[in-house]
Amino acid sequence: MIRLFCGFDHREAVGFNVFIRSVIESCKQPVAITPLAWKQKDGSNAFTYARFLVPYYCDFKGYAIWADGADMLLRSDLAELNIPTGAAVGVVKHDYKTQHPRKYIGTEMECSNEDYPRKNWSSLIVWDCSHYAHRVLTPDFVFKAEGKFLHGFEWLDESRIHSLDPLWNHLVSEQDHDPFAKLVHWTLGNPQFDHYKNAPFSQEWRAFAPRGTKPRN
């Protein structure tokens, strides 16, 4: 069974439901899905820090996947995701500067879209929860740590961060369009919001949305 943890924010509830449906329809084996939201001290959503507690919630055992979820669409089987022995995590190692200074435009979540090292690496993580280095990730540690430290995986040696195929975290409107993306990520705002209703892959998103869903601010 695949253990999947994904972010939940009530302001993106429609996007969350779209993602979950895409997971159910794309995966051939059972997936145990756990929504996570946690103390929001900064960041644009309620799960900015929750992702770093996945090893803790798994009792530091086995493998698990984190996905932001609420602004994503799965187009392939999660069983394809794996990391080699010795790796602590697997991520898509984006290296880019944003073309958009604001995100979630026109919504209550609107905020600055700042650049920082290893931006968006943590939006999809394959965790080896048993890796010794993750033992530091307790709730107290995560709450006190700076965002740049956590999102930059600075508790890990670089050699322990495995590079996943970029198709597994395709950043819509931040990267050249790739029709073969295995995981679509509307990092600027998903098509449930009016400003992004015509973003790339939006028609596919609407096919998974509950009937009658209309874009909103």
Protein backbone atom coordinates (compact mmCIF):
# COMPACT_ATOMS: atom_id res chain seq x y z
CA MET A 1 0.00 0.00 0.00
CA ILE A 2 1.21 3.50 -0.87
CA ARG A 3 1.13 6.04 1.97
CA LEU A 4 0.26 9.48 0.62
CA PHE A 5 0.14 12.62 2.74
CA CYS A 6 -1.21 15.75 1.09
CA GLY A 7 -1.92 19.33 2.05
CA PHE A 8 -5.40 20.55 2.91
CA ASP A 9 -6.55 24.16 3.13
CA HIS A 10 -10.29 24.89 3.21
CA ARG A 11 -9.74 27.76 0.76
CA GLU A 12 -8.57 25.23 -1.84
CA ALA A 13 -11.01 22.46 -0.96
CA VAL A 14 -12.19 22.02 -4.54
CA GLY A 15 -8.60 21.63 -5.72
CA PHE A 16 -7.99 19.07 -2.99
CA ASN A 17 -10.97 17.01 -4.15
CA VAL A 18 -9.74 17.18 -7.75
CA PHE A 19 -6.35 15.89 -6.70
CA ILE A 20 -7.76 13.02 -4.64
CA ARG A 21 -9.97 11.90 -7.52
CA SER A 22 -6.97 11.99 -9.86
CA VAL A 23 -5.02 9.82 -7.40
CA ILE A 24 -7.82 7.26 -7.15
CA GLU A 25 -8.17 7.05 -10.93
CA SER A 26 -4.43 6.97 -11.68
CA CYS A 27 -3.14 4.42 -9.15
CA LYS A 28 -3.47 0.68 -9.63
CA GLN A 29 -2.83 -0.33 -6.03
CA PRO A 30 -4.41 0.87 -2.77
CA VAL A 31 -3.37 4.32 -1.56
CA ALA A 32 -3.77 5.38 2.06
CA ILE A 33 -4.47 9.11 1.86
CA THR A 34 -3.88 11.39 4.86
CA PRO A 35 -4.76 15.11 4.57
CA LEU A 36 -2.51 17.35 6.65
CA ALA A 37 -2.77 20.91 7.89
CA TRP A 38 -0.74 22.28 10.79
CA LYS A 39 0.21 25.46 12.62
CA GLN A 40 0.57 28.21 10.04
CA LYS A 41 3.15 30.71 11.25
CA ASP A 42 3.82 32.01 7.72
CA GLY A 43 3.48 30.92 4.10
CA SER A 44 0.49 31.07 1.78
CA ASN A 45 -1.41 28.01 2.99
CA ALA A 46 -2.18 25.89 6.05
CA PHE A 47 0.22 23.06 5.24
CA THR A 48 3.47 24.96 4.74
CA TYR A 49 5.14 23.12 7.63
CA ALA A 50 3.00 19.98 7.95
CA ARG A 51 4.95 18.18 5.21
CA PHE A 52 8.06 17.99 7.38
CA LEU A 53 6.27 15.89 9.98
CA VAL A 54 5.55 12.98 7.63
CA PRO A 55 8.42 10.83 9.04
CA TYR A 56 7.24 11.62 12.58
CA TYR A 57 3.64 10.62 11.78
CA CYS A 58 4.97 7.40 10.23
CA ASP A 59 6.87 6.61 13.44
CA PHE A 60 10.09 6.98 11.42
CA LYS A 61 9.36 3.76 9.53
CA GLY A 62 8.95 2.86 5.87
CA TYR A 63 8.35 5.03 2.83
CA ALA A 64 5.75 7.72 2.24
CA ILE A 65 4.96 10.43 -0.30
CA TRP A 66 4.11 14.05 0.36
CA ALA A 67 2.29 16.13 -2.28
CA ASP A 68 0.92 19.64 -1.88
CA GLY A 69 -2.19 18.19 -3.49
CA ALA A 70 -4.56 21.14 -3.38
CA ASP A 71 -3.00 22.68 -6.49
CA MET A 72 -1.99 19.48 -8.27
CA LEU A 73 -3.33 16.86 -10.66
CA LEU A 74 -1.90 13.35 -10.87
CA ARG A 75 -1.60 11.88 -14.38
CA SER A 76 0.45 8.75 -13.66
CA ASP A 77 0.75 5.96 -11.10
CA LEU A 78 2.42 6.85 -7.81
CA ALA A 79 3.93 3.36 -7.79
CA GLU A 80 6.42 4.69 -10.35
CA LEU A 81 7.95 6.93 -7.67
CA ASN A 82 10.87 5.41 -5.81
CA ILE A 83 14.26 6.38 -4.44
CA PRO A 84 17.48 4.36 -4.18
CA THR A 85 18.75 2.80 -0.99
CA GLY A 86 20.64 5.38 1.05
CA ALA A 87 18.63 8.37 -0.16
CA ALA A 88 16.70 10.21 2.54
CA VAL A 89 14.28 11.95 0.17
CA GLY A 90 13.50 12.21 -3.51
CA VAL A 91 12.43 15.55 -5.03
CA VAL A 92 12.30 17.32 -8.36
CA LYS A 93 15.21 19.74 -8.20
CA HIS A 94 13.75 22.82 -9.84
CA ASP A 95 16.23 25.58 -10.68
CA TYR A 96 14.32 28.66 -11.80
CA LYS A 97 13.39 32.24 -11.06
CA THR A 98 9.69 32.98 -10.94
CA GLN A 99 8.15 35.01 -13.75
CA HIS A 100 5.28 36.08 -11.49
CA PRO A 101 5.84 38.38 -8.47
CA ARG A 102 2.36 37.61 -7.07
CA LYS A 103 0.44 34.37 -6.68
CA TYR A 104 -3.18 33.51 -5.85
CA ILE A 105 -4.09 36.78 -7.55
CA GLY A 106 -7.58 38.05 -6.74
CA THR A 107 -8.12 35.67 -3.80
CA GLU A 108 -7.88 35.98 -0.03
CA MET A 109 -4.65 33.99 -0.32
CA GLU A 110 -2.92 36.51 -2.60
CA CYS A 111 0.68 37.11 -1.57
CA SER A 112 4.19 37.78 -2.83
CA ASN A 113 5.78 34.99 -4.82
CA GLU A 114 9.36 35.28 -3.65
CA ASP A 115 12.35 33.43 -5.03
CA TYR A 116 14.48 31.36 -2.65
CA PRO A 117 16.98 28.53 -2.98
CA ARG A 118 15.44 25.16 -3.88
CA LYS A 119 12.04 26.74 -4.46
CA ASN A 120 9.27 24.15 -4.82
CA TRP A 121 11.54 21.18 -4.10
CA SER A 122 9.40 20.38 -1.06
CA SER A 123 6.05 20.39 -2.91
CA LEU A 124 6.54 16.71 -3.80
CA ILE A 125 8.68 14.52 -1.54
CA VAL A 126 9.31 10.80 -1.53
CA TRP A 127 10.37 10.12 2.05
CA ASP A 128 12.43 7.28 3.46
CA CYS A 129 10.92 7.87 6.88
CA SER A 130 13.39 5.48 8.51
CA HIS A 131 16.47 7.47 7.47
CA TYR A 132 18.42 8.42 10.59
CA ALA A 133 18.70 12.09 9.61
CA HIS A 134 14.91 12.59 9.85
CA ARG A 135 14.87 11.86 13.58
CA VAL A 136 15.40 15.58 14.16
CA LEU A 137 11.97 16.36 12.60
CA THR A 138 9.82 16.47 15.71
CA PRO A 139 6.84 18.86 16.05
CA ASP A 140 8.81 21.14 18.37
CA PHE A 141 11.80 21.28 16.02
CA VAL A 142 9.70 21.90 12.92
CA PHE A 143 7.67 24.66 14.54
CA LYS A 144 10.81 26.52 15.67
CA ALA A 145 12.86 26.02 12.47
CA GLU A 146 13.04 28.68 9.76
CA GLY A 147 11.16 28.00 6.55
CA LYS A 148 14.26 28.32 4.37
CA PHE A 149 16.02 25.68 6.48
CA LEU A 150 13.18 23.18 6.09
CA HIS A 151 12.24 23.84 2.47
CA GLY A 152 15.91 23.73 1.57
CA PHE A 153 16.36 20.31 3.27
CA GLU A 154 19.30 21.77 5.14
CA TRP A 155 19.26 19.02 7.78
CA LEU A 156 20.39 16.62 5.03
CA ASP A 157 23.67 16.11 3.24
CA GLU A 158 23.25 16.93 -0.46
CA SER A 159 24.17 13.36 -1.38
CA ARG A 160 21.04 12.11 0.42
CA ILE A 161 18.66 14.17 -1.76
CA HIS A 162 17.73 12.07 -4.78
CA SER A 163 16.71 13.82 -8.01
CA LEU A 164 13.34 12.74 -9.42
CA ASP A 165 12.28 13.00 -13.06
CA PRO A 166 11.08 16.62 -13.66
CA LEU A 167 7.84 15.27 -15.14
CA TRP A 168 6.83 14.47 -11.56
CA ASN A 169 6.46 18.13 -10.57
CA HIS A 170 5.67 20.25 -13.61
CA LEU A 171 5.21 23.90 -12.61
CA VAL A 172 2.41 25.39 -14.71
CA SER A 173 3.20 28.83 -16.21
CA GLU A 174 6.66 28.76 -14.63
CA GLN A 175 8.15 26.20 -17.01
CA ASP A 176 7.72 25.49 -20.71
CA HIS A 177 4.51 23.55 -21.26
CA ASP A 178 5.06 19.79 -21.18
CA PRO A 179 2.09 17.66 -22.29
CA PHE A 180 3.77 14.57 -20.82
CA ALA A 181 3.79 15.85 -17.23
CA LYS A 182 3.05 13.09 -14.74
CA LEU A 183 2.14 15.51 -11.96
CA VAL A 184 0.77 18.93 -12.87
CA HIS A 185 1.37 21.65 -10.29
CA TRP A 186 -0.43 25.02 -10.49
CA THR A 187 1.93 26.65 -8.00
CA LEU A 188 0.60 30.15 -8.77
CA GLY A 189 -3.04 29.20 -8.17
CA ASN A 190 -5.23 26.37 -9.40
CA PRO A 191 -8.10 26.68 -11.93
CA GLN A 192 -10.73 26.91 -9.20
CA PHE A 193 -9.75 30.58 -8.98
CA ASP A 194 -10.98 33.01 -11.63
CA HIS A 195 -7.54 34.42 -12.48
CA TYR A 196 -6.24 30.95 -13.37
CA LYS A 197 -9.35 29.42 -14.94
CA ASN A 198 -7.69 29.22 -18.36
CA ALA A 199 -4.23 28.15 -17.20
CA PRO A 200 -2.55 25.24 -19.01
CA PHE A 201 -4.18 21.89 -18.20
CA SER A 202 -7.27 23.70 -16.84
CA GLN A 203 -9.67 21.73 -19.06
CA GLU A 204 -8.25 18.51 -17.64
CA TRP A 205 -8.65 19.92 -14.12
CA ARG A 206 -12.31 20.71 -14.78
CA ALA A 207 -12.92 17.15 -15.96
CA PHE A 208 -12.06 16.00 -12.41
CA ALA A 209 -13.91 18.82 -10.60
CA PRO A 210 -17.34 18.27 -9.02
CA ARG A 211 -20.19 18.97 -11.43
CA GLY A 212 -21.22 22.61 -11.43
CA THR A 213 -17.90 23.94 -10.15
CA LYS A 214 -17.40 27.55 -11.21
CA PRO A 215 -14.23 29.66 -10.92
CA ARG A 216 -14.25 32.03 -7.96
CA ASN A 217 -12.07 34.56 -6.21
